[in-house]
Each structure stands twice: as C-alpha cells, then as structure tokens.
C-alpha atoms as a PDB file:
ATOM      1  CA  MET A   1      23.822  17.048  11.778  1.00  0.00           C
ATOM      2  CA  LEU A   2      26.685  19.293  12.506  1.00  0.00           C
ATOM      3  CA  LEU A   3      28.003  17.268  15.569  1.00  0.00           C
ATOM      4  CA  LYS A   4      26.880  14.001  13.424  1.00  0.00           C
ATOM      5  CA  GLN A   5      29.778  15.353  11.143  1.00  0.00           C
ATOM      6  CA  GLY A   6      32.368  15.714  13.983  1.00  0.00           C
ATOM      7  CA  ALA A   7      32.153  19.476  13.875  1.00  0.00           C
ATOM      8  CA  GLU A   8      32.815  19.298  18.115  1.00  0.00           C
ATOM      9  CA  GLY A   9      35.062  16.794  17.333  1.00  0.00           C
ATOM     10  CA  SER A  10      34.928  12.750  17.735  1.00  0.00           C
ATOM     11  CA  LEU A  11      31.957  11.840  19.872  1.00  0.00           C
ATOM     12  CA  SER A  12      31.553   8.584  22.096  1.00  0.00           C
ATOM     13  CA  GLU A  13      29.320   5.748  20.995  1.00  0.00           C
ATOM     14  CA  GLN A  14      26.827   6.711  23.236  1.00  0.00           C
ATOM     15  CA  ALA A  15      26.581  10.160  22.003  1.00  0.00           C
ATOM     16  CA  SER A  16      26.545   8.718  18.623  1.00  0.00           C
ATOM     17  CA  MET A  17      24.197   6.571  19.079  1.00  0.00           C
ATOM     18  CA  LEU A  18      21.635   9.246  20.938  1.00  0.00           C
ATOM     19  CA  ILE A  19      22.465  12.118  18.421  1.00  0.00           C
ATOM     20  CA  ASP A  20      21.505   9.342  15.422  1.00  0.00           C
ATOM     21  CA  ILE A  21      17.830   8.954  17.802  1.00  0.00           C
ATOM     22  CA  ALA A  22      17.390  12.780  17.782  1.00  0.00           C
ATOM     23  CA  GLN A  23      17.984  13.505  14.297  1.00  0.00           C
ATOM     24  CA  ARG A  24      15.225  10.050  13.190  1.00  0.00           C
ATOM     25  CA  ASN A  25      12.809  12.459  15.690  1.00  0.00           C
ATOM     26  CA  GLY A  26      13.382  15.314  14.031  1.00  0.00           C
ATOM     27  CA  ASP A  27      13.270  13.655  10.458  1.00  0.00           C
ATOM     28  CA  ARG A  28       9.651  12.270  11.695  1.00  0.00           C
ATOM     29  CA  LEU A  29       8.709  15.295  12.975  1.00  0.00           C
ATOM     30  CA  SER A  30       9.500  17.740  10.323  1.00  0.00           C
ATOM     31  CA  ARG A  31       7.183  14.969   7.845  1.00  0.00           C
ATOM     32  CA  LEU A  32       4.314  15.043  10.207  1.00  0.00           C
ATOM     33  CA  ILE A  33       4.734  18.906   9.970  1.00  0.00           C
ATOM     34  CA  ASN A  34       4.893  19.413   6.021  1.00  0.00           C
ATOM     35  CA  ASP A  35       1.962  16.636   5.720  1.00  0.00           C
ATOM     36  CA  LEU A  36      -0.118  18.453   8.355  1.00  0.00           C
ATOM     37  CA  LEU A  37       0.414  21.572   6.088  1.00  0.00           C
ATOM     38  CA  ASP A  38      -0.316  19.775   2.544  1.00  0.00           C
ATOM     39  CA  ILE A  39      -3.556  18.483   4.283  1.00  0.00           C
ATOM     40  CA  ASP A  40      -4.582  21.945   5.348  1.00  0.00           C
ATOM     41  CA  LYS A  41      -3.958  23.680   1.967  1.00  0.00           C
ATOM     42  CA  LEU A  42      -5.545  20.731   0.073  1.00  0.00           C
ATOM     43  CA  GLN A  43      -8.984  20.698   2.289  1.00  0.00           C
ATOM     44  CA  SER A  44      -8.838  24.931   2.248  1.00  0.00           C
ATOM     45  CA  GLY A  45      -8.300  24.271  -1.774  1.00  0.00           C
ATOM     46  CA  LYS A  46      -4.900  26.771  -1.271  1.00  0.00           C
ATOM     47  CA  LEU A  47      -2.314  24.309  -2.606  1.00  0.00           C
ATOM     48  CA  ASP A  48      -0.614  25.683  -5.412  1.00  0.00           C
ATOM     49  CA  LEU A  49      -0.221  23.525  -8.731  1.00  0.00           C
ATOM     50  CA  HIS A  50       1.930  24.318 -11.101  1.00  0.00           C
ATOM     51  CA  ILE A  51       0.773  22.552 -14.147  1.00  0.00           C
ATOM     52  CA  ARG A  52       2.522  21.940 -17.627  1.00  0.00           C
ATOM     53  CA  PRO A  53       2.581  19.484 -20.153  1.00  0.00           C
ATOM     54  CA  VAL A  54       4.884  16.193 -19.502  1.00  0.00           C
ATOM     55  CA  ASP A  55       5.895  13.223 -20.519  1.00  0.00           C
ATOM     56  CA  ILE A  56       4.591  10.549 -17.975  1.00  0.00           C
ATOM     57  CA  ARG A  57       7.736   8.394 -18.458  1.00  0.00           C
ATOM     58  CA  ASP A  58       9.958  11.443 -17.669  1.00  0.00           C
ATOM     59  CA  LEU A  59       8.162  12.159 -14.857  1.00  0.00           C
ATOM     60  CA  LEU A  60       7.834   8.121 -13.990  1.00  0.00           C
ATOM     61  CA  ARG A  61      11.794   7.453 -14.359  1.00  0.00           C
ATOM     62  CA  GLU A  62      12.622  10.372 -12.151  1.00  0.00           C
ATOM     63  CA  ALA A  63      10.396   9.086  -9.597  1.00  0.00           C
ATOM     64  CA  VAL A  64      12.220   5.669  -9.749  1.00  0.00           C
ATOM     65  CA  GLN A  65      15.315   7.009  -9.430  1.00  0.00           C
ATOM     66  CA  GLN A  66      14.294   9.350  -6.387  1.00  0.00           C
ATOM     67  CA  ASN A  67      13.207   6.295  -4.802  1.00  0.00           C
ATOM     68  CA  LYS A  68      15.726   3.553  -5.511  1.00  0.00           C
ATOM     69  CA  PRO A  69      17.830   4.050  -2.562  1.00  0.00           C
ATOM     70  CA  TYR A  70      15.155   3.900   0.054  1.00  0.00           C
ATOM     71  CA  ALA A  71      13.728   0.725  -1.620  1.00  0.00           C
ATOM     72  CA  ALA A  72      17.095  -1.237  -2.044  1.00  0.00           C
ATOM     73  CA  SER A  73      17.341   0.245   2.058  1.00  0.00           C
ATOM     74  CA  HIS A  74      14.405  -2.110   2.419  1.00  0.00           C
ATOM     75  CA  GLY A  75      16.149  -4.671   0.054  1.00  0.00           C
ATOM     76  CA  VAL A  76      13.493  -3.941  -2.675  1.00  0.00           C
ATOM     77  CA  GLY A  77      14.080  -3.679  -6.292  1.00  0.00           C
ATOM     78  CA  LEU A  78      12.175  -1.351  -8.797  1.00  0.00           C
ATOM     79  CA  THR A  79      10.971  -2.569 -11.765  1.00  0.00           C
ATOM     80  CA  LEU A  80       9.525   0.455 -14.843  1.00  0.00           C
ATOM     81  CA  ALA A  81       7.542  -0.672 -17.597  1.00  0.00           C
ATOM     82  CA  LEU A  82       6.625   2.229 -20.101  1.00  0.00           C
ATOM     83  CA  PRO A  83       5.583   2.140 -23.840  1.00  0.00           C
ATOM     84  CA  ASP A  84       8.128   3.244 -26.168  1.00  0.00           C
ATOM     85  CA  GLU A  85       5.755   6.421 -27.727  1.00  0.00           C
ATOM     86  CA  PRO A  86       5.821   9.559 -25.605  1.00  0.00           C
ATOM     87  CA  ILE A  87       2.629  10.165 -23.083  1.00  0.00           C
ATOM     88  CA  SER A  88       1.985  13.681 -22.464  1.00  0.00           C
ATOM     89  CA  ALA A  89      -0.285  14.651 -19.344  1.00  0.00           C
ATOM     90  CA  ASN A  90      -1.018  18.364 -17.742  1.00  0.00           C
ATOM     91  CA  VAL A  91       0.598  17.901 -14.119  1.00  0.00           C
ATOM     92  CA  ASP A  92       2.866  19.052 -11.304  1.00  0.00           C
ATOM     93  CA  MET A  93       5.581  17.764 -11.152  1.00  0.00           C
ATOM     94  CA  ASP A  94       6.741  18.083  -8.174  1.00  0.00           C
ATOM     95  CA  ARG A  95       3.520  17.227  -6.585  1.00  0.00           C
ATOM     96  CA  MET A  96       3.093  14.392  -8.537  1.00  0.00           C
ATOM     97  CA  LEU A  97       6.403  13.109  -7.437  1.00  0.00           C
ATOM     98  CA  GLN A  98       5.418  13.245  -3.797  1.00  0.00           C
ATOM     99  CA  VAL A  99       2.103  10.935  -4.782  1.00  0.00           C
ATOM    100  CA  PHE A 100       4.855   8.371  -6.101  1.00  0.00           C
ATOM    101  CA  ALA A 101       7.200   9.227  -3.300  1.00  0.00           C
ATOM    102  CA  ASN A 102       4.558   8.268  -1.045  1.00  0.00           C
ATOM    103  CA  LEU A 103       3.544   5.156  -2.761  1.00  0.00           C
ATOM    104  CA  ILE A 104       6.642   3.566  -3.393  1.00  0.00           C
ATOM    105  CA  SER A 105       7.984   3.706  -0.135  1.00  0.00           C
ATOM    106  CA  ASN A 106       4.714   2.192   1.520  1.00  0.00           C
ATOM    107  CA  ALA A 107       5.239  -0.293  -1.087  1.00  0.00           C
ATOM    108  CA  SER A 108       9.203  -0.828  -0.483  1.00  0.00           C
ATOM    109  CA  LYS A 109       7.976  -1.009   3.293  1.00  0.00           C
ATOM    110  CA  PHE A 110       5.658  -3.692   3.015  1.00  0.00           C
ATOM    111  CA  SER A 111       7.230  -5.724   0.734  1.00  0.00           C
ATOM    112  CA  PRO A 112       9.900  -8.785   1.940  1.00  0.00           C
ATOM    113  CA  ALA A 113      13.458  -8.624   1.017  1.00  0.00           C
ATOM    114  CA  GLY A 114      14.469 -10.016  -2.538  1.00  0.00           C
ATOM    115  CA  CYS A 115      10.810  -8.583  -3.849  1.00  0.00           C
ATOM    116  CA  ASN A 116      10.102  -5.938  -6.085  1.00  0.00           C
ATOM    117  CA  VAL A 117       8.073  -2.840  -6.667  1.00  0.00           C
ATOM    118  CA  SER A 118       7.056  -2.513 -10.195  1.00  0.00           C
ATOM    119  CA  ILE A 119       5.330   0.548 -12.027  1.00  0.00           C
ATOM    120  CA  SER A 120       3.646   0.503 -14.984  1.00  0.00           C
ATOM    121  CA  VAL A 121       1.390   2.550 -17.765  1.00  0.00           C
ATOM    122  CA  ALA A 122      -1.628   1.936 -19.430  1.00  0.00           C
ATOM    123  CA  VAL A 123      -3.066   4.215 -21.943  1.00  0.00           C
ATOM    124  CA  ARG A 124      -7.002   3.877 -22.078  1.00  0.00           C
ATOM    125  CA  GLN A 125      -8.461   6.008 -24.879  1.00  0.00           C
ATOM    126  CA  ARG A 126      -8.461   9.815 -23.528  1.00  0.00           C
ATOM    127  CA  ALA A 127      -6.907   8.765 -20.354  1.00  0.00           C
ATOM    128  CA  LEU A 128      -3.894   6.985 -18.635  1.00  0.00           C
ATOM    129  CA  ARG A 129      -3.731   4.576 -15.815  1.00  0.00           C
ATOM    130  CA  ILE A 130       0.290   4.656 -13.707  1.00  0.00           C
ATOM    131  CA  SER A 131       0.166   1.332 -11.510  1.00  0.00           C
ATOM    132  CA  VAL A 132       2.531   0.852  -8.291  1.00  0.00           C
ATOM    133  CA  SER A 133       2.005  -3.225  -7.493  1.00  0.00           C
ATOM    134  CA  ASP A 134       3.881  -4.504  -4.385  1.00  0.00           C
ATOM    135  CA  GLU A 135       4.570  -8.643  -3.419  1.00  0.00           C
ATOM    136  CA  GLY A 136       3.484  -8.027   0.189  1.00  0.00           C
ATOM    137  CA  PRO A 137       0.868  -8.844   2.760  1.00  0.00           C
ATOM    138  CA  GLY A 138      -1.830  -6.827   1.418  1.00  0.00           C
ATOM    139  CA  ILE A 139      -4.218  -4.681   3.044  1.00  0.00           C
ATOM    140  CA  SER A 140      -6.669  -6.013   5.112  1.00  0.00           C
ATOM    141  CA  PRO A 141     -10.584  -6.386   4.433  1.00  0.00           C
ATOM    142  CA  GLU A 142     -10.874  -4.544   7.591  1.00  0.00           C
ATOM    143  CA  PHE A 143      -8.376  -1.368   6.614  1.00  0.00           C
ATOM    144  CA  ARG A 144      -9.516  -1.013   2.936  1.00  0.00           C
ATOM    145  CA  ASP A 145     -12.562   1.421   3.902  1.00  0.00           C
ATOM    146  CA  ARG A 146     -10.537   3.902   6.445  1.00  0.00           C
ATOM    147  CA  LEU A 147      -7.207   3.399   4.017  1.00  0.00           C
ATOM    148  CA  PHE A 148      -7.440   7.247   2.510  1.00  0.00           C
ATOM    149  CA  THR A 149      -8.554   8.856   5.981  1.00  0.00           C
ATOM    150  CA  ARG A 150      -6.228  10.561   7.744  1.00  0.00           C
ATOM    151  CA  PHE A 151      -3.834   9.528   9.847  1.00  0.00           C
ATOM    152  CA  SER A 152      -4.957   5.961   9.222  1.00  0.00           C
ATOM    153  CA  GLN A 153      -2.211   3.133   9.706  1.00  0.00           C
ATOM    154  CA  ALA A 154      -2.259  -0.419   8.700  1.00  0.00           C
ATOM    155  CA  GLY A 155      -0.641  -2.672  11.159  1.00  0.00           C
ATOM    156  CA  GLY A 156       2.904  -1.527  12.179  1.00  0.00           C
ATOM    157  CA  GLU A 157       3.146   1.090   9.811  1.00  0.00           C
ATOM    158  CA  ALA A 158       3.632   3.700  13.043  1.00  0.00           C
ATOM    159  CA  ALA A 159       6.562   1.551  13.774  1.00  0.00           C
ATOM    160  CA  LYS A 160       7.757   1.742  10.263  1.00  0.00           C
ATOM    161  CA  GLY A 161       7.975   5.577  10.539  1.00  0.00           C
ATOM    162  CA  GLY A 162       4.241   6.448   8.259  1.00  0.00           C
ATOM    163  CA  THR A 163       2.416   9.796   9.644  1.00  0.00           C
ATOM    164  CA  GLY A 164      -1.246   8.077   8.324  1.00  0.00           C
ATOM    165  CA  LEU A 165      -1.084  11.039   5.950  1.00  0.00           C
ATOM    166  CA  GLY A 166       0.861   9.845   2.718  1.00  0.00           C
ATOM    167  CA  LEU A 167      -2.611   8.316   0.848  1.00  0.00           C
ATOM    168  CA  ALA A 168      -4.960  11.059   2.482  1.00  0.00           C
ATOM    169  CA  ILE A 169      -2.393  13.131   0.507  1.00  0.00           C
ATOM    170  CA  SER A 170      -1.896  11.794  -2.338  1.00  0.00           C
ATOM    171  CA  LYS A 171      -5.297  11.220  -3.167  1.00  0.00           C
ATOM    172  CA  GLY A 172      -5.988  14.610  -2.292  1.00  0.00           C
ATOM    173  CA  ILE A 173      -3.315  15.884  -5.043  1.00  0.00           C
ATOM    174  CA  VAL A 174      -4.419  13.316  -7.900  1.00  0.00           C
ATOM    175  CA  GLU A 175      -7.750  14.577  -7.219  1.00  0.00           C
ATOM    176  CA  GLN A 176      -6.809  18.331  -8.088  1.00  0.00           C
ATOM    177  CA  HIS A 177      -5.026  17.072 -11.077  1.00  0.00           C
ATOM    178  CA  GLY A 178      -8.760  15.883 -12.480  1.00  0.00           C
ATOM    179  CA  GLY A 179      -7.980  12.276 -11.901  1.00  0.00           C
ATOM    180  CA  SER A 180      -7.912   9.453  -9.230  1.00  0.00           C
ATOM    181  CA  LEU A 181      -6.429   6.952  -6.883  1.00  0.00           C
ATOM    182  CA  SER A 182      -7.801   3.883  -5.813  1.00  0.00           C
ATOM    183  CA  LEU A 183      -6.964   0.481  -4.458  1.00  0.00           C
ATOM    184  CA  ASN A 184      -7.409  -1.992  -7.620  1.00  0.00           C
ATOM    185  CA  PRO A 185      -9.603  -4.745  -5.637  1.00  0.00           C
ATOM    186  CA  ASP A 186      -8.561  -7.529  -8.292  1.00  0.00           C
ATOM    187  CA  THR A 187      -4.947  -7.888  -7.139  1.00  0.00           C
ATOM    188  CA  GLY A 188      -3.871 -11.663  -6.267  1.00  0.00           C
ATOM    189  CA  ILE A 189      -1.107 -10.871  -4.222  1.00  0.00           C
ATOM    190  CA  GLY A 190       0.059  -7.768  -2.339  1.00  0.00           C
ATOM    191  CA  ALA A 191      -1.241  -4.721  -2.828  1.00  0.00           C
ATOM    192  CA  THR A 192      -2.121  -2.471  -6.555  1.00  0.00           C
ATOM    193  CA  PHE A 193      -2.668   1.456  -6.204  1.00  0.00           C
ATOM    194  CA  ASP A 194      -3.419   2.983  -9.683  1.00  0.00           C
ATOM    195  CA  ILE A 195      -3.621   6.521 -10.261  1.00  0.00           C
ATOM    196  CA  ASP A 196      -5.809   7.285 -13.777  1.00  0.00           C
ATOM    197  CA  LEU A 197      -5.827  10.860 -15.049  1.00  0.00           C
ATOM    198  CA  PRO A 198      -6.805  12.591 -18.071  1.00  0.00           C
ATOM    199  CA  LEU A 199      -4.028  12.749 -21.197  1.00  0.00           C
ATOM    200  CA  GLU A 200      -3.837  16.045 -22.372  1.00  0.00           C
END
C-alpha cells in the first residue's frame, strides 16, 4: 500500500501493475483466512455474538450504504423497500452486516450491468423475512444441492474473487440467530435468498 501511494517515489507502469496484482492477491488471501477462521468458530460453537435489539430498517440501510460502491463498480444498483414502522429484532449487527455484504456482493457480481439488486422486508406474525433478489442468470439446478457447502462455487465464481465459503458462513451466522437462510425456489428471474428471523 505504501509503495502504491508513492512512499518510495514514482513507479514505472510495470511496477505499478505488479503492486496492484500483489495487493489483490493479498486481499484475497486475507479474505480466505478470515473466512476459514469464521468457519472454524462456527463449527466449534465459539463464534461470539453481541446480540441486542436492532431496528432492522437501520441494519438494512447500513448494509446498502456499505455495499453500494461495490455494486456500482459492477454497474449494478441497489434498491431497498422498507415498511414505515420500526421492526425490532435481536441480532448482532456486525455479523448480520457480514451476511448482507456476502449476499449483496454475490448478487452484484452475477448481475448484468444496468440491473438492480433488490432488498425487501416482510413481517409474518412473529417472524420477519428479508429477501435479497438479483436479475442475474439464476442458480443452476445441479448446483443448488451444494449451494451452502464449504468451498462450493458456481461456474466462474472463483474468477470473480469468491472463496466458496461466504454462503456457508452466512447460513451459520443466521442459524446462530435462531433463523434460516435459504434460496427461494419460486424465483422467476435471477436468484432470491431469504433470511427468516424471529422478531424481538
């Protein structure tokens, strides 16, 4: 990073290119290490959650704000549909932001430029459903059975920077909140992931 910022003076075009490659590889390795640590914590039951009442609308606004630049880099917009009334649920906000970062980034990576990723909320009795929908090619039937398995990647995901751990981690985090993460089987275009959580 210091070299890229010119700490050692101006760099040649080739040197800049090599530093960019090294930084991308370093970032990917860092993501992989963090994902492996999270998987290990989930399996051993040692993933600490700091649960508190949160207005889900605030959580989703923050998730959209954090992930908007990444979506924009793929030419994809983010739309958020929220009810007028507060929706309170007991969650670890940071961990749930991690889940939404994974779902939104996946949706953005596989959506054609000019499309939107939609995030919506529906309240059903004592539970709520948060849906993340894209307008991409959808998920092939042969891949659906191993969608949440560690290191599973759809065609081309590795080339797009995926580690194959994000959905497995996201599912584990949601389940530790007493909820569920699933692929909606009734989506016509693209893919929709549903998070069901108990209300406070």
